[in-house]
């Protein structure tokens, strides 16, 4: 028959093991409850859809201890994923960049808390437009910053060309006036030379252009 002291010694390690097991199970249950309380983002929407970019927005339930977000971006029928994560932020939007035109994408959003991540949101499917479609859908009165810059560059180039052409024309006109003045100044001298040459060629007995007469 076992002594009472030896029985207590055998039961003590067993009680300690059961106690630690119960404590660990309680802590694990707390974590699961904490993760379950964080809801998936709601009203996930794609905005500002461009040929190569888009903006995804979402909402969260009031009171959720959210400290960040995680986004998975995937081309439809392609396994490769792009994962975007940001913490210590209260923003409810994220820009998606480097997209391919005329391509379908699937996006999920998750909220992040100190206890972990929420379940993913409902998947959102969208397609990027083609460049031609985007240009066709643009209003005639809609002007982008890039187009304004291009127009300013064209105007500056046109002004430079106009100035260069005017300077060249001014130079040509100045050269013509100078040559005209030189020709005009030389004209009286040429007339004098012609008159001198004609007087030297004529004689007193037979004036130039006169008729010779014979005495009968």
N, C-alpha and C. Protein backbone atom coordinates (compact mmCIF):
# COMPACT_ATOMS: atom_id res chain seq x y z
N UNK A 1 0.85 -1.19 0.00
CA UNK A 1 0.00 0.00 0.00
C UNK A 1 0.88 1.23 0.00
N UNK A 2 0.57 2.21 -0.89
CA UNK A 2 1.41 3.40 -1.01
C UNK A 2 1.16 4.34 0.13
N UNK A 3 2.17 5.04 0.57
CA UNK A 3 2.05 6.01 1.64
C UNK A 3 1.41 7.28 1.13
N UNK A 4 0.69 8.05 2.04
CA UNK A 4 0.04 9.30 1.59
C UNK A 4 1.01 10.31 1.03
N UNK A 5 2.19 10.41 1.55
CA UNK A 5 3.17 11.39 1.04
C UNK A 5 3.59 11.10 -0.37
N UNK A 6 3.82 9.83 -0.70
CA UNK A 6 4.23 9.48 -2.06
C UNK A 6 3.13 9.73 -3.05
N UNK A 7 1.84 9.55 -2.67
CA UNK A 7 0.72 9.80 -3.59
C UNK A 7 0.62 11.29 -3.91
N UNK A 8 0.81 12.12 -2.89
CA UNK A 8 0.76 13.56 -3.15
C UNK A 8 1.89 14.00 -4.06
N UNK A 9 3.05 13.39 -3.89
CA UNK A 9 4.19 13.73 -4.76
C UNK A 9 3.92 13.35 -6.19
N UNK A 10 3.21 12.29 -6.43
CA UNK A 10 2.90 11.89 -7.79
C UNK A 10 1.81 12.76 -8.41
N UNK A 11 0.86 13.23 -7.60
CA UNK A 11 -0.22 14.04 -8.14
C UNK A 11 0.18 15.48 -8.44
N UNK A 12 1.20 15.98 -7.76
CA UNK A 12 1.59 17.38 -7.93
C UNK A 12 2.05 17.69 -9.36
N UNK A 13 2.94 16.91 -9.99
CA UNK A 13 3.32 17.23 -11.39
C UNK A 13 2.14 17.15 -12.35
N UNK A 14 1.21 16.21 -12.06
CA UNK A 14 0.05 16.08 -12.93
C UNK A 14 -0.84 17.30 -12.86
N UNK A 15 -1.03 17.84 -11.65
CA UNK A 15 -1.85 19.03 -11.49
C UNK A 15 -1.21 20.25 -12.17
N UNK A 16 0.11 20.35 -12.05
CA UNK A 16 0.81 21.47 -12.70
C UNK A 16 0.68 21.40 -14.22
N UNK A 17 0.79 20.19 -14.76
CA UNK A 17 0.66 20.03 -16.21
C UNK A 17 -0.73 20.40 -16.68
N UNK A 18 -1.76 19.98 -15.92
CA UNK A 18 -3.13 20.33 -16.30
C UNK A 18 -3.37 21.82 -16.19
N UNK A 19 -2.76 22.45 -15.18
CA UNK A 19 -2.93 23.89 -15.02
C UNK A 19 -2.33 24.67 -16.17
N UNK A 20 -1.13 24.29 -16.57
CA UNK A 20 -0.49 24.99 -17.71
C UNK A 20 -1.25 24.77 -18.99
N UNK A 21 -1.80 23.58 -19.16
CA UNK A 21 -2.58 23.29 -20.36
C UNK A 21 -3.84 24.14 -20.41
N UNK A 22 -4.49 24.29 -19.27
CA UNK A 22 -5.71 25.10 -19.25
C UNK A 22 -5.40 26.57 -19.49
N UNK A 23 -4.29 27.08 -18.93
CA UNK A 23 -3.91 28.47 -19.14
C UNK A 23 -3.60 28.75 -20.61
N UNK A 24 -2.81 27.83 -21.23
CA UNK A 24 -2.47 28.02 -22.64
C UNK A 24 -3.70 27.96 -23.52
N UNK A 25 -4.66 27.10 -23.18
CA UNK A 25 -5.86 27.02 -23.99
C UNK A 25 -6.71 28.27 -23.85
N UNK A 26 -6.71 28.90 -22.67
CA UNK A 26 -7.44 30.14 -22.48
C UNK A 26 -6.83 31.26 -23.30
N UNK A 27 -5.48 31.37 -23.26
CA UNK A 27 -4.81 32.40 -24.06
C UNK A 27 -5.06 32.20 -25.55
N UNK A 28 -4.99 30.98 -26.02
CA UNK A 28 -5.26 30.73 -27.43
C UNK A 28 -6.69 31.10 -27.78
N UNK A 29 -7.60 30.83 -26.90
CA UNK A 29 -8.99 31.20 -27.13
C UNK A 29 -9.17 32.68 -27.18
N UNK A 30 -8.43 33.43 -26.31
CA UNK A 30 -8.51 34.90 -26.35
C UNK A 30 -8.06 35.44 -27.69
N UNK A 31 -6.97 34.89 -28.26
CA UNK A 31 -6.47 35.35 -29.55
C UNK A 31 -7.48 35.10 -30.64
N UNK A 32 -8.08 33.91 -30.59
CA UNK A 32 -9.07 33.59 -31.61
C UNK A 32 -10.27 34.52 -31.53
N UNK A 33 -10.68 34.85 -30.30
CA UNK A 33 -11.80 35.76 -30.14
C UNK A 33 -11.43 37.15 -30.63
N UNK A 34 -10.18 37.58 -30.33
CA UNK A 34 -9.74 38.89 -30.77
C UNK A 34 -9.71 38.99 -32.28
N UNK A 35 -9.19 37.92 -32.97
CA UNK A 35 -9.14 37.93 -34.43
C UNK A 35 -10.55 37.89 -35.01
N UNK A 36 -11.45 37.15 -34.34
CA UNK A 36 -12.79 37.03 -34.88
C UNK A 36 -13.55 38.35 -34.78
N UNK A 37 -13.18 39.20 -33.83
CA UNK A 37 -13.87 40.47 -33.66
C UNK A 37 -13.53 41.46 -34.77
N UNK A 38 -12.40 41.28 -35.46
CA UNK A 38 -12.00 42.20 -36.53
C UNK A 38 -12.73 41.81 -37.81
N UNK A 39 -13.57 42.70 -38.29
CA UNK A 39 -14.40 42.40 -39.46
C UNK A 39 -13.64 42.69 -40.75
N UNK A 40 -14.06 42.04 -41.81
CA UNK A 40 -13.48 42.28 -43.13
C UNK A 40 -13.91 43.66 -43.63
N UNK A 41 -13.08 44.34 -44.39
CA UNK A 41 -13.46 45.65 -44.95
C UNK A 41 -14.72 45.55 -45.81
N UNK A 42 -15.46 46.64 -45.82
CA UNK A 42 -16.73 46.69 -46.54
C UNK A 42 -16.67 47.71 -47.68
N UNK A 43 -17.60 47.56 -48.62
CA UNK A 43 -17.76 48.52 -49.72
C UNK A 43 -16.44 48.79 -50.45
N UNK A 44 -15.75 47.74 -50.79
CA UNK A 44 -14.50 47.89 -51.55
C UNK A 44 -14.85 48.35 -52.96
N UNK A 45 -14.25 49.46 -53.38
CA UNK A 45 -14.61 50.10 -54.65
C UNK A 45 -13.35 50.51 -55.41
N UNK A 46 -13.42 50.43 -56.72
CA UNK A 46 -12.33 50.88 -57.58
C UNK A 46 -12.70 52.25 -58.14
N UNK A 47 -11.83 53.23 -57.93
CA UNK A 47 -12.05 54.59 -58.40
C UNK A 47 -10.86 55.07 -59.23
N UNK A 48 -11.08 56.17 -59.94
CA UNK A 48 -10.02 56.80 -60.74
C UNK A 48 -9.31 55.77 -61.62
N UNK A 49 -10.10 54.99 -62.32
CA UNK A 49 -9.56 53.93 -63.17
C UNK A 49 -8.91 54.53 -64.41
N UNK A 50 -7.63 54.25 -64.56
CA UNK A 50 -6.86 54.71 -65.72
C UNK A 50 -6.30 53.51 -66.47
N UNK A 51 -5.56 53.80 -67.53
CA UNK A 51 -4.99 52.72 -68.34
C UNK A 51 -3.99 51.91 -67.55
N UNK A 52 -3.15 52.58 -66.76
CA UNK A 52 -2.08 51.89 -66.02
C UNK A 52 -2.17 52.07 -64.52
N UNK A 53 -3.28 52.57 -64.00
CA UNK A 53 -3.38 52.78 -62.56
C UNK A 53 -4.84 52.81 -62.15
N UNK A 54 -5.05 52.68 -60.83
CA UNK A 54 -6.39 52.74 -60.26
C UNK A 54 -6.24 53.01 -58.77
N UNK A 55 -7.34 53.36 -58.12
CA UNK A 55 -7.36 53.60 -56.67
C UNK A 55 -8.46 52.73 -56.07
N UNK A 56 -8.10 51.94 -55.05
CA UNK A 56 -9.08 51.10 -54.37
C UNK A 56 -9.41 51.75 -53.02
N UNK A 57 -10.69 51.84 -52.70
CA UNK A 57 -11.15 52.42 -51.44
C UNK A 57 -12.03 51.40 -50.71
N UNK A 58 -12.17 51.56 -49.39
CA UNK A 58 -12.97 50.64 -48.59
C UNK A 58 -13.42 51.33 -47.31
N UNK A 59 -14.26 50.65 -46.57
CA UNK A 59 -14.75 51.13 -45.28
C UNK A 59 -14.57 50.04 -44.23
N UNK A 60 -14.54 50.43 -42.95
CA UNK A 60 -14.44 49.47 -41.85
C UNK A 60 -15.56 49.75 -40.86
N UNK A 61 -15.86 48.76 -40.04
CA UNK A 61 -16.86 48.95 -39.01
C UNK A 61 -16.33 49.86 -37.91
N UNK A 62 -17.18 50.71 -37.43
CA UNK A 62 -16.78 51.63 -36.37
C UNK A 62 -16.44 50.85 -35.10
N UNK A 63 -15.31 51.18 -34.53
CA UNK A 63 -14.88 50.51 -33.32
C UNK A 63 -13.85 49.44 -33.55
N UNK A 64 -13.62 49.02 -34.79
CA UNK A 64 -12.59 48.02 -35.06
C UNK A 64 -11.21 48.61 -34.79
N UNK A 65 -10.35 47.90 -34.04
CA UNK A 65 -9.01 48.43 -33.70
C UNK A 65 -8.04 48.25 -34.87
N UNK A 66 -8.30 48.94 -35.96
CA UNK A 66 -7.50 48.78 -37.18
C UNK A 66 -6.29 49.70 -37.12
N UNK A 67 -5.13 49.16 -37.44
CA UNK A 67 -3.90 49.95 -37.48
C UNK A 67 -3.24 49.93 -38.86
N UNK A 68 -3.87 49.27 -39.82
CA UNK A 68 -3.28 49.20 -41.16
C UNK A 68 -4.14 48.37 -42.09
N UNK A 69 -3.59 48.07 -43.25
CA UNK A 69 -4.33 47.30 -44.24
C UNK A 69 -3.37 46.45 -45.05
N UNK A 70 -3.93 45.46 -45.72
CA UNK A 70 -3.17 44.61 -46.64
C UNK A 70 -4.03 44.37 -47.87
N UNK A 71 -3.43 44.48 -49.04
CA UNK A 71 -4.13 44.33 -50.31
C UNK A 71 -3.42 43.29 -51.15
N UNK A 72 -4.20 42.38 -51.70
CA UNK A 72 -3.66 41.44 -52.68
C UNK A 72 -4.25 41.78 -54.04
N UNK A 73 -3.37 41.89 -55.01
CA UNK A 73 -3.76 42.25 -56.39
C UNK A 73 -3.31 41.13 -57.30
N UNK A 74 -4.21 40.66 -58.13
CA UNK A 74 -3.92 39.51 -58.98
C UNK A 74 -4.59 39.67 -60.33
N UNK A 75 -3.85 39.33 -61.38
CA UNK A 75 -4.47 39.27 -62.69
C UNK A 75 -5.39 38.05 -62.76
N UNK A 76 -6.50 38.23 -63.44
CA UNK A 76 -7.42 37.12 -63.57
C UNK A 76 -6.77 35.99 -64.36
N UNK A 77 -6.96 34.76 -63.85
CA UNK A 77 -6.41 33.55 -64.47
C UNK A 77 -4.88 33.51 -64.42
N UNK A 78 -4.29 34.28 -63.51
CA UNK A 78 -2.83 34.25 -63.31
C UNK A 78 -2.56 34.07 -61.82
N UNK A 79 -1.66 33.17 -61.47
CA UNK A 79 -1.42 32.85 -60.07
C UNK A 79 -0.56 33.89 -59.36
N UNK A 80 0.24 34.62 -60.07
CA UNK A 80 1.15 35.55 -59.44
C UNK A 80 0.38 36.68 -58.76
N UNK A 81 0.78 37.02 -57.53
CA UNK A 81 0.10 38.03 -56.73
C UNK A 81 1.03 39.21 -56.46
N UNK A 82 0.43 40.35 -56.27
CA UNK A 82 1.15 41.51 -55.72
C UNK A 82 0.54 41.81 -54.36
N UNK A 83 1.40 41.90 -53.35
CA UNK A 83 0.94 42.10 -51.98
C UNK A 83 1.38 43.48 -51.50
N UNK A 84 0.42 44.29 -51.06
CA UNK A 84 0.69 45.63 -50.56
C UNK A 84 0.23 45.69 -49.11
N UNK A 85 1.11 46.12 -48.22
CA UNK A 85 0.76 46.20 -46.80
C UNK A 85 1.29 47.50 -46.20
N UNK A 86 0.49 48.12 -45.37
CA UNK A 86 0.89 49.35 -44.70
C UNK A 86 0.27 49.37 -43.31
N UNK A 87 1.07 49.70 -42.30
CA UNK A 87 0.60 49.75 -40.92
C UNK A 87 0.83 51.15 -40.37
N UNK A 88 0.27 51.38 -39.18
CA UNK A 88 0.34 52.69 -38.52
C UNK A 88 -0.26 53.77 -39.42
N UNK A 89 -1.40 53.47 -39.97
CA UNK A 89 -2.09 54.43 -40.84
C UNK A 89 -3.59 54.27 -40.66
N UNK A 90 -4.30 55.35 -40.91
CA UNK A 90 -5.76 55.34 -40.84
C UNK A 90 -6.39 55.53 -42.22
N UNK A 91 -5.58 55.50 -43.25
CA UNK A 91 -6.11 55.71 -44.60
C UNK A 91 -7.02 54.56 -45.00
N UNK A 92 -7.97 54.87 -45.85
CA UNK A 92 -8.92 53.87 -46.34
C UNK A 92 -8.88 53.81 -47.87
N UNK A 93 -7.72 54.05 -48.43
CA UNK A 93 -7.55 53.98 -49.88
C UNK A 93 -6.11 53.64 -50.20
N UNK A 94 -5.91 53.11 -51.39
CA UNK A 94 -4.55 52.74 -51.82
C UNK A 94 -4.49 52.79 -53.34
N UNK A 95 -3.39 53.31 -53.86
CA UNK A 95 -3.18 53.40 -55.31
C UNK A 95 -2.58 52.10 -55.83
N UNK A 96 -3.13 51.63 -56.92
CA UNK A 96 -2.59 50.48 -57.64
C UNK A 96 -1.90 51.00 -58.89
N UNK A 97 -0.66 50.64 -59.10
CA UNK A 97 0.13 51.21 -60.19
C UNK A 97 0.71 50.11 -61.06
N UNK A 98 1.31 50.54 -62.16
CA UNK A 98 1.98 49.63 -63.10
C UNK A 98 1.03 48.54 -63.59
N UNK A 99 -0.20 48.92 -63.88
CA UNK A 99 -1.16 47.97 -64.42
C UNK A 99 -1.04 47.89 -65.94
N UNK A 100 -1.51 46.79 -66.50
CA UNK A 100 -1.52 46.62 -67.95
C UNK A 100 -2.87 47.06 -68.50
N UNK A 101 -2.85 47.69 -69.65
CA UNK A 101 -4.11 48.14 -70.23
C UNK A 101 -4.93 46.95 -70.74
N UNK A 102 -6.25 47.12 -70.72
CA UNK A 102 -7.19 46.12 -71.19
C UNK A 102 -6.94 44.76 -70.51
N UNK A 103 -6.82 44.80 -69.17
CA UNK A 103 -6.52 43.59 -68.39
C UNK A 103 -7.45 43.54 -67.19
N UNK A 104 -7.92 42.32 -66.84
CA UNK A 104 -8.79 42.13 -65.69
C UNK A 104 -7.95 41.83 -64.45
N UNK A 105 -8.32 42.45 -63.33
CA UNK A 105 -7.63 42.26 -62.06
C UNK A 105 -8.65 41.91 -60.98
N UNK A 106 -8.17 41.17 -59.97
CA UNK A 106 -8.97 40.83 -58.79
C UNK A 106 -8.25 41.39 -57.57
N UNK A 107 -9.01 42.07 -56.69
CA UNK A 107 -8.43 42.72 -55.53
C UNK A 107 -9.17 42.27 -54.27
N UNK A 108 -8.39 41.95 -53.22
CA UNK A 108 -8.92 41.69 -51.88
C UNK A 108 -8.29 42.69 -50.91
N UNK A 109 -9.04 43.09 -49.90
CA UNK A 109 -8.53 44.00 -48.87
C UNK A 109 -8.73 43.35 -47.50
N UNK A 110 -7.72 43.47 -46.63
CA UNK A 110 -7.79 42.99 -45.26
C UNK A 110 -7.41 44.11 -44.31
N UNK A 111 -8.06 44.15 -43.16
CA UNK A 111 -7.69 45.08 -42.09
C UNK A 111 -6.67 44.41 -41.18
N UNK A 112 -5.78 45.24 -40.62
CA UNK A 112 -4.74 44.73 -39.73
C UNK A 112 -4.91 45.38 -38.36
N UNK A 113 -4.84 44.56 -37.31
CA UNK A 113 -4.88 45.05 -35.93
C UNK A 113 -3.68 44.50 -35.18
N UNK A 114 -3.58 44.83 -33.90
CA UNK A 114 -2.48 44.32 -33.09
C UNK A 114 -2.56 42.81 -32.91
N UNK A 115 -3.78 42.26 -33.02
CA UNK A 115 -3.94 40.82 -32.84
C UNK A 115 -3.81 40.02 -34.11
N UNK A 116 -3.76 40.65 -35.25
CA UNK A 116 -3.63 39.93 -36.51
C UNK A 116 -4.40 40.61 -37.63
N UNK A 117 -4.79 39.82 -38.63
CA UNK A 117 -5.48 40.34 -39.80
C UNK A 117 -6.92 39.87 -39.83
N UNK A 118 -7.75 40.66 -40.47
CA UNK A 118 -9.15 40.30 -40.63
C UNK A 118 -9.30 39.31 -41.78
N UNK A 119 -10.46 38.71 -41.93
CA UNK A 119 -10.71 37.92 -43.14
C UNK A 119 -10.66 38.82 -44.37
N UNK A 120 -10.33 38.29 -45.52
CA UNK A 120 -10.29 39.13 -46.72
C UNK A 120 -11.70 39.59 -47.11
N UNK A 121 -11.75 40.74 -47.75
CA UNK A 121 -13.02 41.28 -48.23
C UNK A 121 -13.54 40.47 -49.41
N UNK A 122 -14.73 40.79 -49.82
CA UNK A 122 -15.25 40.18 -51.03
C UNK A 122 -14.38 40.58 -52.22
N UNK A 123 -14.08 39.67 -53.12
CA UNK A 123 -13.21 40.02 -54.25
C UNK A 123 -13.88 41.05 -55.16
N UNK A 124 -13.06 41.96 -55.65
CA UNK A 124 -13.52 42.99 -56.58
C UNK A 124 -12.82 42.78 -57.91
N UNK A 125 -13.60 42.62 -58.96
CA UNK A 125 -13.06 42.41 -60.30
C UNK A 125 -13.22 43.69 -61.11
N UNK A 126 -12.14 44.11 -61.77
CA UNK A 126 -12.21 45.29 -62.63
C UNK A 126 -11.28 45.11 -63.82
N UNK A 127 -11.53 45.87 -64.85
CA UNK A 127 -10.73 45.81 -66.08
C UNK A 127 -10.20 47.21 -66.40
N UNK A 128 -8.93 47.28 -66.71
CA UNK A 128 -8.35 48.56 -67.12
C UNK A 128 -8.74 48.86 -68.56
N UNK A 129 -8.97 50.13 -68.89
CA UNK A 129 -9.38 50.47 -70.26
C UNK A 129 -8.18 50.48 -71.21
N UNK A 130 -8.50 50.53 -72.49
CA UNK A 130 -7.47 50.72 -73.51
C UNK A 130 -7.15 52.20 -73.63
N UNK A 131 -5.98 52.47 -74.19
CA UNK A 131 -5.58 53.87 -74.38
C UNK A 131 -6.53 54.58 -75.32
N UNK A 132 -6.95 53.89 -76.38
CA UNK A 132 -7.86 54.51 -77.35
C UNK A 132 -9.22 54.78 -76.71
N UNK A 133 -9.71 53.86 -75.87
CA UNK A 133 -10.99 54.06 -75.21
C UNK A 133 -10.92 55.24 -74.25
N UNK A 134 -9.82 55.36 -73.55
CA UNK A 134 -9.67 56.47 -72.61
C UNK A 134 -9.64 57.80 -73.33
N UNK A 135 -8.95 57.86 -74.47
CA UNK A 135 -8.90 59.10 -75.22
C UNK A 135 -10.26 59.44 -75.81
N UNK A 136 -11.02 58.41 -76.24
CA UNK A 136 -12.32 58.65 -76.83
C UNK A 136 -13.33 59.13 -75.79
N UNK A 137 -13.19 58.62 -74.56
CA UNK A 137 -14.14 58.99 -73.51
C UNK A 137 -13.82 60.34 -72.88
N UNK A 138 -12.67 60.91 -73.19
CA UNK A 138 -12.29 62.19 -72.60
C UNK A 138 -13.11 63.32 -73.21
N UNK A 139 -13.57 64.21 -72.37
CA UNK A 139 -14.36 65.35 -72.84
C UNK A 139 -13.49 66.31 -73.63
N UNK A 140 -14.03 66.97 -74.65
CA UNK A 140 -13.21 67.93 -75.41
C UNK A 140 -12.71 69.08 -74.55
N UNK A 141 -13.47 69.43 -73.51
CA UNK A 141 -13.07 70.54 -72.65
C UNK A 141 -12.13 70.10 -71.54
N UNK A 142 -11.89 68.79 -71.40
CA UNK A 142 -11.03 68.28 -70.33
C UNK A 142 -9.58 68.41 -70.74
N UNK A 143 -8.82 69.09 -69.95
CA UNK A 143 -7.41 69.32 -70.23
C UNK A 143 -6.60 68.86 -69.03
N UNK A 144 -5.63 68.00 -69.27
CA UNK A 144 -4.78 67.51 -68.18
C UNK A 144 -3.56 68.40 -68.02
N UNK A 145 -2.86 68.19 -66.92
CA UNK A 145 -1.64 68.96 -66.65
C UNK A 145 -0.59 68.66 -67.70
N UNK A 146 -0.51 67.42 -68.12
CA UNK A 146 0.48 67.05 -69.13
C UNK A 146 0.20 67.75 -70.45
N UNK A 147 -1.08 67.82 -70.83
CA UNK A 147 -1.42 68.50 -72.09
C UNK A 147 -1.13 69.99 -72.01
N UNK A 148 -1.37 70.57 -70.83
CA UNK A 148 -1.05 71.99 -70.66
C UNK A 148 0.45 72.22 -70.83
N UNK A 149 1.26 71.34 -70.26
CA UNK A 149 2.71 71.47 -70.42
C UNK A 149 3.16 71.32 -71.86
N UNK A 150 2.55 70.35 -72.57
CA UNK A 150 2.89 70.17 -73.98
C UNK A 150 2.50 71.39 -74.80
N UNK A 151 1.32 71.96 -74.51
CA UNK A 151 0.89 73.15 -75.24
C UNK A 151 1.83 74.32 -74.99
N UNK A 152 2.29 74.46 -73.74
CA UNK A 152 3.23 75.55 -73.42
C UNK A 152 4.54 75.35 -74.16
N UNK A 153 5.02 74.10 -74.25
CA UNK A 153 6.25 73.84 -74.98
C UNK A 153 6.09 74.16 -76.46
N UNK A 154 4.94 73.78 -77.04
CA UNK A 154 4.71 74.08 -78.46
C UNK A 154 4.67 75.58 -78.71
N UNK A 155 4.01 76.30 -77.81
CA UNK A 155 3.95 77.75 -77.99
C UNK A 155 5.33 78.38 -77.88
N UNK A 156 6.12 77.91 -76.93
CA UNK A 156 7.48 78.44 -76.80
C UNK A 156 8.30 78.15 -78.05
N UNK A 157 8.17 76.94 -78.61
CA UNK A 157 8.88 76.61 -79.84
C UNK A 157 8.43 77.45 -81.01
N UNK A 158 7.11 77.67 -81.10
CA UNK A 158 6.61 78.51 -82.17
C UNK A 158 7.12 79.95 -82.07
N UNK A 159 7.17 80.48 -80.85
CA UNK A 159 7.67 81.84 -80.66
C UNK A 159 9.14 81.94 -81.06
N UNK A 160 9.92 80.93 -80.71
CA UNK A 160 11.35 80.95 -81.08
C UNK A 160 11.50 80.95 -82.60
N UNK A 161 10.71 80.09 -83.28
CA UNK A 161 10.79 80.04 -84.74
C UNK A 161 10.40 81.38 -85.36
N UNK A 162 9.33 81.99 -84.84
CA UNK A 162 8.89 83.29 -85.37
C UNK A 162 9.96 84.35 -85.19
N UNK A 163 10.59 84.37 -84.01
CA UNK A 163 11.64 85.36 -83.75
C UNK A 163 12.82 85.16 -84.69
N UNK A 164 13.23 83.90 -84.89
CA UNK A 164 14.36 83.62 -85.78
C UNK A 164 14.03 84.07 -87.21
N UNK A 165 12.81 83.78 -87.68
CA UNK A 165 12.43 84.18 -89.04
C UNK A 165 12.41 85.71 -89.18
N UNK A 166 11.90 86.41 -88.18
CA UNK A 166 11.88 87.87 -88.24
C UNK A 166 13.29 88.44 -88.26
N UNK A 167 14.19 87.87 -87.47
CA UNK A 167 15.58 88.35 -87.47
C UNK A 167 16.21 88.13 -88.83
N UNK A 168 15.96 86.97 -89.44
CA UNK A 168 16.53 86.71 -90.77
C UNK A 168 15.98 87.68 -91.80
N UNK A 169 14.66 87.93 -91.75
CA UNK A 169 14.09 88.89 -92.69
C UNK A 169 14.65 90.29 -92.48
N UNK A 170 14.84 90.67 -91.23
CA UNK A 170 15.42 91.99 -90.96
C UNK A 170 16.84 92.07 -91.51
N UNK A 171 17.60 90.99 -91.38
CA UNK A 171 18.95 90.99 -91.94
C UNK A 171 18.95 91.10 -93.45
N UNK A 172 18.02 90.37 -94.09
CA UNK A 172 17.93 90.42 -95.55
C UNK A 172 17.55 91.83 -96.01
N UNK A 173 16.58 92.43 -95.34
CA UNK A 173 16.15 93.79 -95.72
C UNK A 173 17.27 94.80 -95.51
N UNK A 174 18.00 94.67 -94.40
CA UNK A 174 19.12 95.58 -94.15
C UNK A 174 20.19 95.43 -95.21
N UNK A 175 20.50 94.18 -95.60
CA UNK A 175 21.50 93.95 -96.65
C UNK A 175 21.03 94.53 -97.98
N UNK A 176 19.77 94.38 -98.29
CA UNK A 176 19.25 94.93 -99.55
C UNK A 176 19.33 96.45 -99.56
N UNK A 177 18.97 97.08 -98.44
CA UNK A 177 19.04 98.55 -98.38
C UNK A 177 20.48 99.03 -98.52
N UNK A 178 21.39 98.30 -97.93
CA UNK A 178 22.80 98.71 -98.03
C UNK A 178 23.30 98.61 -99.47
N UNK A 179 22.95 97.50 -100.13
CA UNK A 179 23.36 97.35 -101.53
C UNK A 179 22.70 98.41 -102.41
N UNK A 180 21.46 98.75 -102.10
CA UNK A 180 20.76 99.78 -102.89
C UNK A 180 21.42 101.14 -102.73
N UNK A 181 21.83 101.46 -101.48
CA UNK A 181 22.51 102.74 -101.26
C UNK A 181 23.84 102.79 -102.00
N UNK A 182 24.56 101.67 -102.01
CA UNK A 182 25.85 101.64 -102.72
C UNK A 182 25.63 101.85 -104.22
N UNK A 183 24.64 101.18 -104.77
CA UNK A 183 24.35 101.34 -106.20
C UNK A 183 23.92 102.76 -106.52
N UNK A 184 23.12 103.36 -105.65
CA UNK A 184 22.64 104.72 -105.88
C UNK A 184 23.78 105.73 -105.80
N UNK A 185 24.71 105.52 -104.86
CA UNK A 185 25.85 106.42 -104.75
C UNK A 185 26.77 106.31 -105.96
N UNK A 186 26.90 105.16 -106.54
CA UNK A 186 27.79 104.98 -107.69
C UNK A 186 27.16 105.45 -109.01
N UNK A 187 25.87 105.66 -109.02
CA UNK A 187 25.18 106.03 -110.27
C UNK A 187 25.64 107.38 -110.82
N UNK A 188 25.77 108.49 -110.03
CA UNK A 188 26.25 109.77 -110.60
C UNK A 188 27.66 109.66 -111.18
N UNK A 189 28.51 108.92 -110.53
CA UNK A 189 29.88 108.75 -111.06
C UNK A 189 29.85 108.05 -112.40
N UNK A 190 28.99 107.07 -112.55
CA UNK A 190 28.89 106.36 -113.83
C UNK A 190 28.39 107.29 -114.92
N UNK A 191 27.45 108.18 -114.59
CA UNK A 191 26.92 109.13 -115.58
C UNK A 191 28.00 110.12 -116.02
N UNK A 192 28.81 110.56 -115.02
CA UNK A 192 29.90 111.48 -115.36
C UNK A 192 30.91 110.83 -116.29
N UNK A 193 31.24 109.59 -116.00
CA UNK A 193 32.20 108.87 -116.84
C UNK A 193 31.66 108.70 -118.26
N UNK A 194 30.38 108.40 -118.35
CA UNK A 194 29.80 108.24 -119.69
C UNK A 194 29.83 109.57 -120.45
N UNK A 195 29.52 110.67 -119.79
CA UNK A 195 29.53 111.98 -120.46
C UNK A 195 30.94 112.35 -120.89
N UNK A 196 31.93 112.06 -120.05
CA UNK A 196 33.32 112.36 -120.39
C UNK A 196 33.78 111.56 -121.58
N UNK A 197 33.42 110.28 -121.60
CA UNK A 197 33.83 109.42 -122.71
C UNK A 197 33.19 109.89 -124.02
N UNK A 198 31.96 110.32 -123.97
CA UNK A 198 31.28 110.77 -125.20
C UNK A 198 31.86 112.07 -125.71
N UNK A 199 32.29 112.97 -124.83
CA UNK A 199 32.88 114.24 -125.26
C UNK A 199 34.26 114.03 -125.86
N UNK A 200 34.99 113.07 -125.36
CA UNK A 200 36.31 112.78 -125.90
C UNK A 200 36.21 112.18 -127.30
N UNK A 201 35.19 111.41 -127.55
CA UNK A 201 35.05 110.77 -128.86
C UNK A 201 34.62 111.76 -129.95
N UNK A 202 33.95 112.84 -129.65
CA UNK A 202 33.48 113.80 -130.67
C UNK A 202 34.60 114.80 -131.00
N UNK A 203 34.62 115.38 -132.25
CA UNK A 203 35.64 116.35 -132.71
C UNK A 203 34.94 117.66 -133.02
N UNK A 204 35.72 118.83 -133.03
CA UNK A 204 35.06 120.11 -133.35
C UNK A 204 34.66 120.23 -134.81
N UNK A 205 35.49 119.60 -135.79
CA UNK A 205 35.14 119.73 -137.18
C UNK A 205 33.91 118.92 -137.52
N UNK A 206 33.76 117.81 -136.92
CA UNK A 206 32.65 116.92 -137.24
C UNK A 206 31.94 116.55 -135.94
N UNK A 207 31.02 117.37 -135.62
CA UNK A 207 30.27 117.03 -134.39
C UNK A 207 29.63 115.68 -134.53
N UNK A 208 29.53 115.02 -133.37
CA UNK A 208 28.98 113.66 -133.39
C UNK A 208 27.53 113.72 -133.82
N UNK A 209 27.24 112.89 -134.75
CA UNK A 209 25.86 112.81 -135.24
C UNK A 209 25.59 113.80 -136.35
N UNK A 210 26.56 114.68 -136.77
CA UNK A 210 26.33 115.66 -137.82
C UNK A 210 26.51 115.08 -139.21
N UNK A 211 26.11 115.82 -140.25
CA UNK A 211 26.26 115.38 -141.63
C UNK A 211 27.40 116.14 -142.29
N UNK A 212 28.20 115.47 -143.05
CA UNK A 212 29.28 116.10 -143.80
C UNK A 212 28.72 116.78 -145.05
N UNK A 213 29.16 118.07 -145.31
CA UNK A 213 28.71 118.77 -146.50
C UNK A 213 29.91 119.06 -147.40
N UNK A 214 29.68 118.99 -148.69
CA UNK A 214 30.75 119.29 -149.65
C UNK A 214 30.45 120.62 -150.35
N UNK A 215 31.55 121.37 -150.65
CA UNK A 215 31.38 122.67 -151.32
C UNK A 215 31.30 122.41 -152.84
N UNK A 216 30.36 123.02 -153.45
CA UNK A 216 30.19 122.85 -154.89
C UNK A 216 30.97 123.96 -155.59
